[in-house]
Amino acid sequence: MRLAVSIPARRAAWISWSQQPGASWMRIQTQKLLYRYFSIYRKQIGLQVFDLFSAIMDGAVLPIRHPDVSLARKLSEEETHAHLSPRDFVHLAVMLNNDISCIVTADQGFARIPSIKVIYPSR
């Protein structure tokens, strides 16, 4: 199944509490999707959501590199980002280093960063 996905959607960073870099992260997220829908006896809907999520994320999972970690450390020293968790610093650094200004997350911390547009998955 091949879907036409807009560039802005592909440039949004999908963040969750259990995010891990690269393929491991993608495997965990898709496993969580399938588990959830299968557990509530919505297998067909779960498979559709899986296909959509997979198409959106195809080629969009970024690794965490040394410049990202260095920037995360620098961001952690800024008072304007004091509300962020250490993991959020890494997410923000990856976003900034890759010109990503939109994030899909349930985390409220990113809403306080003016340069970041937050999309809440449950709204």
Foldseek 3Di string as FASTA:
>chain_A
DADDDDPLLLLAAEDDPPADADPVRLVVVLVVLQVVCVVVVNNVVSVVVSVVVCNSPVVRGDGQDPQLLVQLVVLCPDPLLVPDDSVVSSVVSVCVVVVRQEYEYPDPSVVSPVSHHYDYPVD
